[in-house]
Structure formats: structure tokens, C-alpha cells
N, C-alpha and C. Protein backbone atom coordinates (compact mmCIF):
# COMPACT_ATOMS: atom_id res chain seq x y z
N MET A 1 19.82 -3.22 8.44
CA MET A 1 20.60 -4.04 8.87
C MET A 1 22.04 -3.30 8.18
N ALA A 2 21.65 -2.21 6.99
CA ALA A 2 22.49 -1.13 6.25
C ALA A 2 22.33 -0.37 6.92
N GLU A 3 21.44 -0.25 7.77
CA GLU A 3 21.28 1.75 8.45
C GLU A 3 22.31 1.73 9.05
N GLU A 4 22.21 1.03 10.23
CA GLU A 4 22.55 0.03 11.57
C GLU A 4 24.08 -0.36 11.17
N GLY A 5 24.74 -0.32 10.28
CA GLY A 5 25.93 -0.91 9.54
C GLY A 5 26.01 -2.76 9.80
N ILE A 6 25.29 -2.74 10.57
CA ILE A 6 25.37 -4.73 10.93
C ILE A 6 25.94 -5.36 9.59
N LYS A 7 26.67 -6.05 9.59
CA LYS A 7 27.28 -6.93 8.35
C LYS A 7 26.30 -8.18 8.43
N LEU A 8 26.01 -8.94 7.38
CA LEU A 8 25.48 -10.48 7.78
C LEU A 8 26.16 -11.56 8.84
N GLU A 9 27.73 -10.77 7.94
CA GLU A 9 27.87 -11.83 8.88
C GLU A 9 28.21 -11.71 10.77
N VAL A 10 28.06 -10.53 11.13
CA VAL A 10 28.24 -10.67 12.46
C VAL A 10 26.96 -11.07 12.98
N LEU A 11 25.70 -11.38 12.38
CA LEU A 11 24.99 -11.56 12.58
C LEU A 11 24.39 -13.20 13.16
N PRO A 12 24.15 -13.72 14.04
CA PRO A 12 24.34 -15.54 15.05
C PRO A 12 23.13 -16.37 13.96
N GLN A 13 24.14 -17.14 13.80
CA GLN A 13 23.84 -18.44 12.99
C GLN A 13 22.00 -18.51 12.99
N GLU A 14 21.69 -18.64 13.92
CA GLU A 14 20.49 -18.76 13.78
C GLU A 14 19.56 -18.11 12.74
N ILE A 15 20.30 -16.36 12.76
CA ILE A 15 19.29 -15.32 11.73
C ILE A 15 20.13 -15.12 11.15
N LYS A 16 20.95 -15.87 10.08
CA LYS A 16 21.78 -16.70 9.39
C LYS A 16 20.85 -17.60 8.08
N ASP A 17 20.28 -18.27 9.37
CA ASP A 17 19.80 -19.85 8.64
C ASP A 17 18.37 -19.39 8.39
N LYS A 18 17.78 -18.67 9.11
CA LYS A 18 16.60 -17.99 8.46
C LYS A 18 16.75 -17.27 7.23
N ILE A 19 17.38 -17.14 7.12
CA ILE A 19 17.38 -15.42 5.02
C ILE A 19 18.16 -16.51 4.96
N LYS A 20 18.49 -17.11 5.13
CA LYS A 20 18.16 -18.34 4.09
C LYS A 20 17.58 -18.50 3.54
N MET A 21 16.45 -19.69 4.42
CA MET A 21 15.79 -20.47 4.78
C MET A 21 14.30 -19.17 3.56
N LEU A 22 14.71 -17.78 3.94
CA LEU A 22 13.30 -17.37 2.95
C LEU A 22 13.61 -16.99 1.31
N LYS A 23 15.04 -17.51 0.99
CA LYS A 23 15.66 -17.17 -0.85
C LYS A 23 15.05 -17.80 -1.23
N PRO A 24 15.11 -19.67 -1.44
CA PRO A 24 14.38 -20.61 -2.20
C PRO A 24 12.73 -19.48 -2.41
N THR A 25 11.51 -19.23 -0.95
CA THR A 25 10.33 -18.82 -1.49
C THR A 25 10.23 -17.53 -1.50
N VAL A 26 11.72 -17.09 -1.56
CA VAL A 26 11.15 -15.27 -1.87
C VAL A 26 11.06 -16.52 -3.59
N GLY A 27 11.68 -16.36 -4.36
CA GLY A 27 12.18 -17.64 -5.83
C GLY A 27 10.80 -18.41 -6.44
N ARG A 28 10.18 -18.95 -5.34
CA ARG A 28 9.06 -19.38 -5.95
C ARG A 28 8.36 -18.75 -6.43
N TYR A 29 8.18 -17.99 -5.62
CA TYR A 29 6.76 -16.83 -5.04
C TYR A 29 7.05 -15.32 -6.91
N ASN A 30 8.34 -14.92 -6.87
CA ASN A 30 8.52 -15.18 -7.78
C ASN A 30 8.56 -15.58 -9.11
N ASN A 31 8.49 -16.60 -9.49
CA ASN A 31 8.32 -17.83 -10.28
C ASN A 31 6.48 -17.95 -10.19
N THR A 32 6.40 -17.84 -8.78
CA THR A 32 4.69 -18.37 -9.10
C THR A 32 4.07 -17.41 -7.81
N PRO A 33 3.47 -15.95 -9.24
CA PRO A 33 3.22 -15.46 -7.26
C PRO A 33 1.86 -16.52 -6.66
N THR A 34 1.55 -16.80 -5.62
CA THR A 34 0.70 -16.35 -4.80
C THR A 34 0.28 -15.75 -3.71
N ASP A 35 -1.54 -15.77 -2.77
CA ASP A 35 -0.92 -15.25 -1.48
C ASP A 35 -0.87 -15.87 -0.30
N LYS A 36 -1.04 -17.19 -0.58
CA LYS A 36 0.19 -17.87 0.50
C LYS A 36 0.79 -17.67 0.97
N LEU A 37 1.96 -17.95 -0.51
CA LEU A 37 3.24 -17.69 -0.53
C LEU A 37 3.53 -15.60 -0.10
N LYS A 38 3.12 -15.37 -0.17
CA LYS A 38 3.35 -13.49 -0.57
C LYS A 38 3.12 -13.69 1.51
N ASP A 39 1.89 -14.23 1.95
CA ASP A 39 1.87 -14.66 2.79
C ASP A 39 3.03 -15.20 4.09
N ALA A 40 3.04 -16.40 3.17
CA ALA A 40 4.49 -16.98 4.18
C ALA A 40 5.90 -15.87 4.75
N ILE A 41 5.80 -15.24 2.95
CA ILE A 41 7.00 -14.41 2.98
C ILE A 41 7.01 -13.64 3.86
N THR A 42 5.96 -12.80 3.92
CA THR A 42 5.54 -11.45 5.30
C THR A 42 5.82 -12.06 6.00
N LYS A 43 5.55 -12.80 6.79
CA LYS A 43 5.47 -13.96 8.13
C LYS A 43 6.69 -14.36 8.53
N GLN A 44 7.90 -14.26 7.37
CA GLN A 44 9.38 -14.08 7.99
C GLN A 44 9.95 -13.46 7.34
N ASP A 45 9.76 -12.40 7.13
CA ASP A 45 10.85 -11.22 7.18
C ASP A 45 10.19 -10.52 8.41
N VAL A 46 8.65 -10.57 9.20
CA VAL A 46 8.94 -9.93 10.06
C VAL A 46 9.44 -10.74 11.24
N GLU A 47 9.84 -11.91 10.94
CA GLU A 47 10.38 -12.50 12.15
C GLU A 47 11.81 -11.86 11.69
N ILE A 48 12.34 -12.21 11.08
CA ILE A 48 13.60 -12.40 10.98
C ILE A 48 14.06 -10.80 11.58
N ALA A 49 13.09 -9.78 11.07
CA ALA A 49 13.28 -8.02 11.84
C ALA A 49 13.51 -8.62 12.70
N GLU A 50 12.75 -8.65 13.53
CA GLU A 50 12.48 -8.92 14.99
C GLU A 50 13.75 -9.88 15.68
N MET A 51 13.96 -10.40 14.74
CA MET A 51 14.92 -11.25 15.81
C MET A 51 16.31 -10.29 15.40
N ILE A 52 16.39 -9.45 14.41
CA ILE A 52 17.18 -8.89 14.16
C ILE A 52 18.00 -7.32 15.12
N ALA A 53 16.21 -6.97 15.56
CA ALA A 53 16.67 -5.89 16.47
C ALA A 53 16.42 -6.36 17.88
N ASP A 54 15.87 -7.58 18.51
CA ASP A 54 16.65 -8.18 19.47
C ASP A 54 17.36 -7.98 20.16
N TYR A 55 18.38 -8.79 18.94
CA TYR A 55 20.19 -8.57 19.17
C TYR A 55 20.78 -7.46 18.77
N ILE A 56 20.59 -6.58 18.17
CA ILE A 56 20.69 -5.41 18.66
C ILE A 56 20.78 -5.02 19.99
N GLU A 57 19.30 -5.30 20.67
CA GLU A 57 19.88 -5.22 22.14
C GLU A 57 20.23 -5.74 23.09
N SER A 58 20.59 -6.88 22.23
CA SER A 58 20.85 -7.83 23.58
C SER A 58 22.38 -7.33 23.44
N ASP A 59 22.47 -8.02 25.28
CA ASP A 59 23.83 -8.19 25.42
C ASP A 59 25.13 -8.46 24.47
N GLU A 60 24.80 -9.39 24.14
CA GLU A 60 26.38 -9.64 22.39
C GLU A 60 25.74 -8.72 22.08
N TYR A 61 25.73 -7.70 21.56
CA TYR A 61 25.79 -7.16 20.24
C TYR A 61 26.93 -6.46 20.52
N GLN A 62 25.67 -5.69 21.36
CA GLN A 62 26.57 -4.70 22.63
C GLN A 62 27.77 -4.39 22.80
N SER A 63 28.18 -5.79 23.30
CA SER A 63 29.63 -5.84 24.00
C SER A 63 30.65 -5.84 22.78
N THR A 64 30.00 -7.03 22.01
CA THR A 64 31.13 -6.45 20.09
C THR A 64 31.24 -5.46 19.93
N GLN A 65 29.73 -4.50 20.02
CA GLN A 65 29.81 -2.67 19.83
C GLN A 65 30.78 -1.77 20.99
N ASN A 66 31.43 -2.60 21.79
CA ASN A 66 31.90 -1.83 22.44
C ASN A 66 33.04 -1.59 23.05
N ASN A 67 32.96 -3.80 22.49
CA ASN A 67 34.65 -3.86 22.38
C ASN A 67 35.31 -2.88 21.17
N ASN A 68 35.08 -3.02 19.88
CA ASN A 68 34.74 -2.19 19.25
C ASN A 68 35.23 -0.89 19.38
N ASP A 69 34.50 0.30 20.69
CA ASP A 69 34.62 1.27 20.89
C ASP A 69 36.32 1.22 21.36
N ASP A 70 36.21 0.54 22.42
CA ASP A 70 37.92 0.41 23.19
C ASP A 70 38.60 -0.05 22.30
N ASP A 71 38.67 -0.30 21.10
CA ASP A 71 39.81 -0.70 20.52
C ASP A 71 40.01 0.74 19.80
N GLY A 72 39.25 1.47 19.47
CA GLY A 72 39.82 2.78 18.65
C GLY A 72 39.69 3.91 20.31
N ASN A 73 39.49 3.74 21.20
CA ASN A 73 39.27 4.71 21.99
C ASN A 73 40.42 4.89 22.63
N ASN A 74 40.91 3.92 23.24
CA ASN A 74 41.51 3.18 24.34
C ASN A 74 41.17 4.36 25.74
N ASP A 75 40.23 4.14 26.34
CA ASP A 75 40.36 4.45 27.40
C ASP A 75 39.61 4.37 29.00
N ASP A 76 40.60 3.95 30.16
CA ASP A 76 40.79 3.50 30.87
C ASP A 76 40.39 3.42 31.87
N GLY A 77 39.47 4.88 31.76
CA GLY A 77 38.52 5.44 32.39
C GLY A 77 39.09 6.86 33.82
N ASN A 78 41.04 7.20 33.09
CA ASN A 78 41.75 7.56 33.88
C ASN A 78 42.03 8.89 33.30
N ASN A 79 42.02 10.51 33.79
CA ASN A 79 41.81 11.66 33.04
C ASN A 79 43.58 11.52 32.70
N ASP A 80 43.36 12.64 32.30
CA ASP A 80 45.15 13.25 32.07
C ASP A 80 45.82 13.64 33.58
N ASP A 81 45.04 13.23 34.34
CA ASP A 81 44.88 14.22 35.44
C ASP A 81 45.39 13.06 36.32
N GLY A 82 45.35 11.87 35.87
CA GLY A 82 45.81 10.08 37.05
C GLY A 82 44.16 10.46 37.31
N ASN A 83 43.81 10.80 37.11
CA ASN A 83 43.07 10.84 38.16
C ASN A 83 41.45 9.88 37.26
N ASN A 84 40.60 8.80 38.40
CA ASN A 84 39.84 8.34 37.49
C ASN A 84 38.45 8.70 37.81
N ASP A 85 37.60 9.38 36.04
CA ASP A 85 36.87 9.72 36.39
C ASP A 85 35.81 8.08 35.83
N GLY A 86 36.08 6.71 35.96
CA GLY A 86 35.09 6.21 35.90
C GLY A 86 34.35 6.33 34.67
N GLY A 87 35.23 6.60 33.50
CA GLY A 87 34.70 6.90 32.35
C GLY A 87 32.84 7.04 32.34
N ASN A 88 32.38 7.57 33.61
CA ASN A 88 30.26 7.32 32.93
C ASN A 88 30.54 8.15 31.58
N ASN A 89 30.84 8.96 32.13
CA ASN A 89 30.26 10.24 30.13
C ASN A 89 30.52 9.16 28.94
N ASN A 90 31.50 8.54 28.78
CA ASN A 90 31.61 7.11 27.97
C ASN A 90 29.90 6.01 28.20
N GLY A 91 29.83 5.81 29.38
CA GLY A 91 28.08 4.19 29.16
C GLY A 91 27.46 5.62 28.87
N HIS A 92 27.30 6.14 29.14
CA HIS A 92 25.88 7.80 29.06
C HIS A 92 26.06 7.50 27.30
N GLN A 93 27.03 8.28 27.13
CA GLN A 93 26.54 7.86 25.21
C GLN A 93 26.28 6.12 24.32
N ASN A 94 26.70 5.52 25.89
CA ASN A 94 26.47 4.34 24.89
C ASN A 94 25.21 3.66 25.52
N ASN A 95 24.18 4.16 26.18
CA ASN A 95 22.83 4.19 26.49
C ASN A 95 22.79 5.23 25.42
N ASN A 96 22.00 5.83 24.98
CA ASN A 96 21.92 7.22 24.11
C ASN A 96 22.02 6.08 22.50
N SER A 97 23.28 5.65 22.96
CA SER A 97 23.26 5.38 21.44
C SER A 97 22.52 3.58 20.91
N LYS A 98 22.65 3.37 22.34
CA LYS A 98 21.31 2.06 22.11
C LYS A 98 20.14 2.11 21.79
N THR A 99 19.83 3.17 22.17
CA THR A 99 18.34 3.53 22.45
C THR A 99 18.28 3.72 20.76
N ASP A 100 18.78 4.31 20.08
CA ASP A 100 18.84 5.37 18.57
C ASP A 100 18.85 3.95 18.30
N ALA A 101 19.92 3.31 18.33
CA ALA A 101 19.98 2.08 17.17
C ALA A 101 18.45 1.06 17.51
N GLU A 102 18.45 1.32 18.52
CA GLU A 102 17.08 0.55 19.18
C GLU A 102 16.38 1.13 18.36
N ILE A 103 16.18 2.10 17.96
CA ILE A 103 14.84 3.10 17.19
C ILE A 103 15.05 2.91 15.12
N ALA A 104 16.51 2.91 15.40
CA ALA A 104 15.99 3.04 13.75
C ALA A 104 16.23 1.83 13.93
N ALA A 105 16.64 0.43 14.67
CA ALA A 105 17.18 -0.67 13.50
C ALA A 105 14.56 -0.80 13.78
N ALA A 106 14.43 -0.84 14.21
CA ALA A 106 12.66 -0.81 14.66
C ALA A 106 11.83 -0.70 13.29
N LYS A 107 12.66 1.09 13.40
CA LYS A 107 12.04 1.73 11.59
C LYS A 107 12.76 1.75 10.10
N LYS A 108 13.78 0.52 10.48
CA LYS A 108 14.05 0.29 9.47
C LYS A 108 13.19 -0.91 9.08
N ALA A 109 13.31 -1.72 10.82
CA ALA A 109 12.36 -3.10 9.74
C ALA A 109 11.21 -2.77 9.54
N GLU A 110 10.58 -1.89 9.69
CA GLU A 110 8.59 -1.52 9.32
C GLU A 110 9.36 -1.50 8.55
N GLU A 111 10.00 -0.18 7.86
CA GLU A 111 9.97 0.67 6.99
C GLU A 111 10.24 -1.24 5.45
N ASP A 112 11.49 -2.01 5.70
CA ASP A 112 11.70 -2.55 5.41
C ASP A 112 10.34 -3.88 4.69
N ALA A 113 10.02 -3.78 6.06
CA ALA A 113 8.34 -4.41 5.24
C ALA A 113 7.65 -4.21 4.52
N ALA A 114 6.88 -3.32 5.29
CA ALA A 114 6.48 -2.01 3.94
C ALA A 114 6.46 -2.14 2.97
N ALA A 115 7.95 -1.96 2.50
CA ALA A 115 8.31 -2.25 1.07
C ALA A 115 8.23 -3.41 0.72
N LYS A 116 8.59 -5.17 1.08
CA LYS A 116 8.25 -5.78 0.23
C LYS A 116 6.84 -6.99 0.69
N LYS A 117 6.13 -5.41 0.88
CA LYS A 117 4.41 -5.54 0.94
C LYS A 117 4.12 -5.17 0.10
N ALA A 118 4.60 -3.83 -0.07
CA ALA A 118 4.40 -3.35 -1.45
C ALA A 118 4.56 -3.94 -2.95
N GLN A 119 5.62 -3.90 -2.45
CA GLN A 119 6.70 -5.22 -4.18
C GLN A 119 5.02 -6.66 -4.09
N GLU A 120 4.66 -7.52 -3.13
CA GLU A 120 4.15 -7.71 -2.87
C GLU A 120 2.96 -7.83 -3.56
N ASP A 121 2.29 -6.57 -3.29
CA ASP A 121 0.78 -7.03 -3.75
C ASP A 121 0.89 -6.00 -5.19
N ALA A 122 1.66 -5.19 -5.47
CA ALA A 122 1.49 -5.09 -7.19
C ALA A 122 2.48 -5.99 -7.50
N ALA A 123 3.21 -7.19 -7.50
CA ALA A 123 3.19 -8.68 -8.47
C ALA A 123 2.14 -9.90 -8.16
N ALA A 124 1.02 -9.81 -6.92
CA ALA A 124 -0.26 -10.27 -6.92
C ALA A 124 -1.60 -9.43 -7.32
N ALA A 125 -1.54 -8.40 -7.78
CA ALA A 125 -2.01 -6.93 -9.10
C ALA A 125 -1.10 -7.37 -10.46
N GLU A 126 -0.45 -7.46 -10.19
CA GLU A 126 -0.51 -7.76 -11.85
C GLU A 126 0.04 -9.67 -12.25
N ALA A 127 -0.33 -10.54 -11.45
CA ALA A 127 -0.77 -11.82 -11.68
C ALA A 127 -1.73 -11.58 -12.08
N ALA A 128 -2.93 -10.90 -10.80
CA ALA A 128 -4.36 -11.06 -10.17
C ALA A 128 -4.82 -10.90 -12.44
N ALA A 129 -4.97 -9.91 -12.48
CA ALA A 129 -4.80 -8.66 -13.87
C ALA A 129 -4.63 -9.37 -15.40
N LYS A 130 -3.23 -10.10 -15.56
CA LYS A 130 -2.56 -11.67 -16.00
C LYS A 130 -3.78 -12.86 -16.20
N ALA A 131 -4.20 -13.44 -15.36
CA ALA A 131 -5.48 -14.32 -14.95
C ALA A 131 -6.74 -13.22 -16.01
N ALA A 132 -7.58 -12.74 -15.25
CA ALA A 132 -8.64 -12.22 -15.57
C ALA A 132 -8.04 -12.14 -17.04
N SER A 133 -7.06 -11.73 -17.38
CA SER A 133 -7.51 -12.16 -19.73
C SER A 133 -7.04 -12.87 -20.37
N VAL A 134 -6.98 -13.39 -19.22
CA VAL A 134 -6.61 -15.03 -19.84
C VAL A 134 -7.73 -15.85 -19.30
N LYS A 135 -9.40 -15.40 -18.59
CA LYS A 135 -10.19 -16.17 -17.40
C LYS A 135 -11.07 -16.12 -18.97
N LYS A 136 -11.06 -15.26 -19.99
CA LYS A 136 -12.08 -14.75 -20.66
C LYS A 136 -12.77 -16.40 -20.94
N SER A 137 -13.97 -16.22 -21.29
CA SER A 137 -14.51 -17.22 -21.25
C SER A 137 -14.74 -18.18 -23.17
N LYS A 138 -14.63 -19.18 -23.01
CA LYS A 138 -14.07 -20.09 -24.20
C LYS A 138 -15.14 -20.19 -24.64
N TYR A 139 -16.20 -19.02 -24.86
CA TYR A 139 -17.55 -19.88 -25.60
C TYR A 139 -17.95 -17.95 -26.74
N ASP A 140 -17.82 -17.90 -27.44
CA ASP A 140 -18.48 -17.05 -28.19
C ASP A 140 -19.15 -15.55 -28.16
N PHE A 141 -19.60 -15.62 -28.17
CA PHE A 141 -20.91 -15.14 -27.72
C PHE A 141 -22.55 -16.74 -25.93
N GLY A 142 -22.42 -15.45 -24.82
CA GLY A 142 -23.31 -15.38 -24.05
C GLY A 142 -23.55 -15.72 -22.26
N THR A 143 -23.92 -16.51 -22.10
CA THR A 143 -23.25 -16.43 -20.50
C THR A 143 -24.09 -17.25 -20.21
N GLU A 144 -24.01 -18.21 -19.34
CA GLU A 144 -24.97 -18.69 -18.58
C GLU A 144 -26.24 -18.91 -18.41
N ASP A 145 -26.15 -17.44 -17.52
CA ASP A 145 -27.82 -17.54 -17.19
C ASP A 145 -28.89 -17.68 -18.07
N MET A 146 -28.15 -16.60 -19.72
CA MET A 146 -28.45 -16.82 -20.48
C MET A 146 -29.23 -18.71 -21.16
N GLU A 147 -28.21 -19.18 -21.62
CA GLU A 147 -28.07 -20.70 -21.06
C GLU A 147 -29.11 -21.44 -21.07
N LYS A 148 -29.27 -20.73 -19.08
CA LYS A 148 -29.84 -22.01 -18.16
C LYS A 148 -31.59 -21.44 -18.59
N SER A 149 -32.08 -19.79 -19.77
CA SER A 149 -32.68 -19.91 -19.40
C SER A 149 -33.62 -21.12 -20.56
N ILE A 150 -32.39 -20.34 -22.14
CA ILE A 150 -32.76 -21.44 -23.09
C ILE A 150 -33.23 -23.10 -22.74
N LEU A 151 -32.36 -23.38 -21.65
CA LEU A 151 -32.45 -25.26 -21.30
C LEU A 151 -34.24 -25.41 -21.07
N GLU A 152 -33.88 -24.51 -20.28
CA GLU A 152 -35.41 -24.47 -19.05
C GLU A 152 -36.52 -24.18 -20.38
N GLU A 153 -36.56 -23.45 -20.59
CA GLU A 153 -37.89 -23.34 -22.58
C GLU A 153 -37.72 -24.85 -23.23
N CYS A 154 -36.69 -25.39 -23.25
CA CYS A 154 -36.27 -26.06 -24.60
C CYS A 154 -37.22 -27.03 -23.97
N ASN A 155 -36.43 -27.27 -22.50
CA ASN A 155 -36.81 -28.82 -21.76
C ASN A 155 -38.37 -28.70 -21.61
N SER A 156 -39.12 -27.75 -21.38
CA SER A 156 -40.54 -27.47 -21.41
C SER A 156 -41.33 -27.74 -22.64
N ASN A 157 -40.57 -27.59 -24.14
CA ASN A 157 -41.07 -27.53 -24.88
C ASN A 157 -40.64 -28.22 -26.01
N ASN A 158 -40.25 -30.20 -25.85
CA ASN A 158 -39.84 -30.72 -26.46
C ASN A 158 -38.35 -30.52 -26.89
N GLY A 159 -37.37 -29.42 -26.53
CA GLY A 159 -36.38 -29.76 -27.81
C GLY A 159 -36.25 -28.05 -28.51
N PHE A 160 -37.07 -28.09 -28.14
CA PHE A 160 -37.67 -27.03 -29.29
C PHE A 160 -37.70 -24.91 -28.28
N ILE A 161 -37.66 -23.88 -29.03
CA ILE A 161 -37.93 -22.91 -28.81
C ILE A 161 -38.23 -21.71 -29.42
N SER A 162 -39.26 -21.10 -29.12
CA SER A 162 -39.29 -19.75 -30.12
C SER A 162 -38.90 -19.27 -30.57
N GLU A 163 -38.98 -18.53 -31.77
CA GLU A 163 -37.43 -17.04 -32.05
C GLU A 163 -38.19 -16.29 -31.66
N ASP A 164 -38.82 -15.62 -31.08
CA ASP A 164 -39.27 -14.95 -31.02
C ASP A 164 -38.94 -14.44 -28.97
N LYS A 165 -38.92 -15.72 -28.38
CA LYS A 165 -38.39 -16.37 -26.60
C LYS A 165 -36.82 -15.95 -26.78
N LEU A 166 -36.07 -16.67 -27.51
CA LEU A 166 -35.24 -17.19 -27.86
C LEU A 166 -34.48 -15.78 -28.76
N ASN A 167 -34.80 -14.77 -29.03
CA ASN A 167 -34.17 -13.23 -29.45
C ASN A 167 -34.63 -12.29 -27.99
N SER A 168 -35.75 -12.62 -27.33
CA SER A 168 -35.61 -12.13 -25.90
C SER A 168 -35.16 -12.37 -25.34
N ILE A 169 -34.76 -13.29 -24.84
CA ILE A 169 -33.41 -13.75 -23.62
C ILE A 169 -32.36 -13.23 -23.57
N ILE A 170 -31.34 -13.52 -25.81
CA ILE A 170 -30.49 -13.33 -26.58
C ILE A 170 -29.74 -12.25 -26.07
N LYS A 171 -30.97 -11.37 -26.33
CA LYS A 171 -31.71 -9.59 -26.85
C LYS A 171 -31.16 -9.07 -27.69
N ARG A 172 -31.24 -9.82 -28.42
CA ARG A 172 -30.70 -9.57 -29.89
C ARG A 172 -31.49 -10.75 -31.32
N SER A 173 -31.33 -10.21 -32.48
CA SER A 173 -32.46 -11.17 -33.48
C SER A 173 -31.32 -12.21 -33.45
N ALA A 174 -31.81 -13.74 -33.53
CA ALA A 174 -30.72 -15.07 -33.55
C ALA A 174 -30.36 -15.03 -34.65
N ASN A 175 -29.33 -15.65 -35.05
CA ASN A 175 -27.77 -15.99 -36.12
C ASN A 175 -29.36 -17.06 -36.67
N TYR A 176 -28.15 -16.61 -38.15
CA TYR A 176 -29.52 -18.51 -38.73
C TYR A 176 -28.38 -19.48 -39.80
N PRO A 177 -28.46 -20.30 -39.85
CA PRO A 177 -29.90 -20.98 -39.50
C PRO A 177 -29.12 -22.05 -38.05
N VAL A 178 -27.71 -20.63 -37.32
CA VAL A 178 -27.12 -22.08 -35.95
C VAL A 178 -27.74 -20.46 -35.07
N GLN A 179 -27.19 -20.75 -34.31
CA GLN A 179 -27.12 -19.81 -33.17
C GLN A 179 -26.52 -20.62 -31.15
N GLU A 180 -25.45 -19.90 -31.08
CA GLU A 180 -24.55 -20.52 -30.44
C GLU A 180 -24.94 -19.19 -29.24
N VAL A 181 -25.09 -20.13 -28.01
CA VAL A 181 -25.09 -19.23 -27.05
C VAL A 181 -24.67 -19.59 -25.79
N TYR A 182 -23.27 -19.90 -25.06
CA TYR A 182 -23.06 -19.77 -23.98
C TYR A 182 -22.23 -20.97 -24.46
N SER A 183 -22.85 -22.84 -24.36
CA SER A 183 -22.00 -23.41 -24.67
C SER A 183 -23.05 -24.55 -25.40
N ILE A 184 -24.36 -24.34 -25.22
CA ILE A 184 -25.31 -24.90 -25.89
C ILE A 184 -24.91 -24.72 -27.76
N GLN A 185 -26.47 -25.73 -28.92
CA GLN A 185 -26.41 -24.16 -30.30
C GLN A 185 -27.74 -25.01 -30.62
N LEU A 186 -28.26 -23.83 -30.67
CA LEU A 186 -29.56 -23.98 -31.68
C LEU A 186 -29.73 -23.90 -33.32
N ARG A 187 -30.46 -25.26 -33.69
CA ARG A 187 -30.29 -24.61 -35.10
C ARG A 187 -31.56 -24.30 -35.88
N LYS A 188 -32.17 -23.53 -36.34
CA LYS A 188 -33.60 -23.06 -37.00
C LYS A 188 -34.31 -23.73 -37.98
N VAL A 189 -35.86 -24.47 -37.69
CA VAL A 189 -36.08 -25.38 -38.09
C VAL A 189 -37.08 -24.62 -39.33
N PHE A 190 -37.08 -25.00 -40.82
CA PHE A 190 -37.07 -24.58 -41.87
C PHE A 190 -38.28 -24.26 -41.96
N MET A 191 -38.50 -23.23 -42.12
CA MET A 191 -39.82 -22.67 -42.64
C MET A 191 -40.84 -23.09 -41.84
N LYS A 192 -40.48 -22.85 -40.54
CA LYS A 192 -40.80 -22.30 -39.03
C LYS A 192 -40.42 -21.51 -38.16
N GLU A 193 -40.81 -20.63 -36.74
CA GLU A 193 -40.18 -19.46 -36.42
C GLU A 193 -39.95 -20.41 -34.94
N VAL A 194 -39.36 -21.61 -35.64
CA VAL A 194 -38.82 -22.21 -33.60
C VAL A 194 -37.49 -21.98 -34.32
N TYR A 195 -36.49 -22.90 -32.96
CA TYR A 195 -34.56 -23.49 -33.19
C TYR A 195 -35.01 -24.23 -32.33
N LYS A 196 -33.93 -24.77 -32.61
CA LYS A 196 -34.02 -26.49 -32.15
C LYS A 196 -32.51 -26.63 -31.17
N LEU A 197 -32.49 -27.34 -30.13
CA LEU A 197 -31.59 -28.07 -29.35
C LEU A 197 -30.89 -28.69 -29.84
N GLN A 198 -29.90 -28.10 -30.54
CA GLN A 198 -28.92 -29.13 -31.28
C GLN A 198 -28.30 -30.12 -30.58
N PRO A 199 -28.19 -31.76 -29.91
CA PRO A 199 -27.51 -32.54 -29.14
C PRO A 199 -25.76 -32.01 -28.69
């Protein structure tokens, strides 16, 4: 809009309303970025850009531009000799300006959409990085697969697992007297080479 010299005040009320409706969505996205909000913002932004481009191409916009040109031009279609040239040259220039305006408006809309998308992508990546760092396991050691293997072994041996089997599952020597693996706890049985699953 700035590139075309279009001010918000001259846009039709429908476009102004769409822009006003977009602002709260952008605010919500800035507070809690989600892919759903990002997609909604991008969709609304593209719709608004298309509406502005359509408005620029419309007769209503062209008539306001022609009125502005007439105010500063005072070309009544007569040349200094009193002959009527019909203002043909002036009309031809308006057609070229219209085409240039359409191209510039479309280009500006694409650039704005791309810049907004890049900004939203950066915000989403930052949010994902934060979530990944927070999503670290609440357990100090082990994985869910290790836990599953240990539970299977304990279930088949009345709640016990041999120290060698435990060491092979966790890929290190088990801690003494208690070994925690993911969400379970195993206690070494005194004077035996087995660990017992704790309730």
C-alpha cells in the first residue's frame, strides 16, 4: 500500500474491517504461536492483499485517481490553439499507469506475504526449539524401550531380573543398591546377583 501511495483511509470499509479483524489474530499468535493461527493469518493476509489489488484495478479507485489528476492538471481536452485533441495522450498514460500499478500492487502483496511467512516461520521454529528443550524426559536415566524390556523380564521371573541381564539392557553396570530406569525402580537383592522390581 505504501509503495502505491494508498492510505488506509481511502480503502473501502470492507477491506478496513478485514484488516481490523486480522490484528487480534496476529496478537494471539505473538502470545502463543501455533501452526493453526499461522495458517489463519497467512490466509487472511493473502485475502486482504487480493482485495486491495482488486480495489486498485477497480473503476472506483481509478475514478478517484483520475479526479486527483484532474485537480492538478486542468486539461480540458483543448490545446492552446483552441483545437480539441480529446485528451487522448492523457488517457493512454493512465492505461500504462494502471498496468504498472496493478503489477506493483501484486508484487508488493507477494513480497508482504513472503515476509510475513518468513517471520511466522521464524517464530514457529523458535517456539518449537523452546518446546523441544522443555520436553526433555522427566526421568534421569533410561528409555521407554529399556523399561519395557526390564518389565518383560521381571514379569517372566516373578519380579526379578538378573544383574547381567539388567546390565545388558541398560548398556552399563547397574547402580547399587537401587537402579532407576525410566519410570521404574529396581533394588539389588542382598547377597544375590539379581535386582527386584520395586512397587
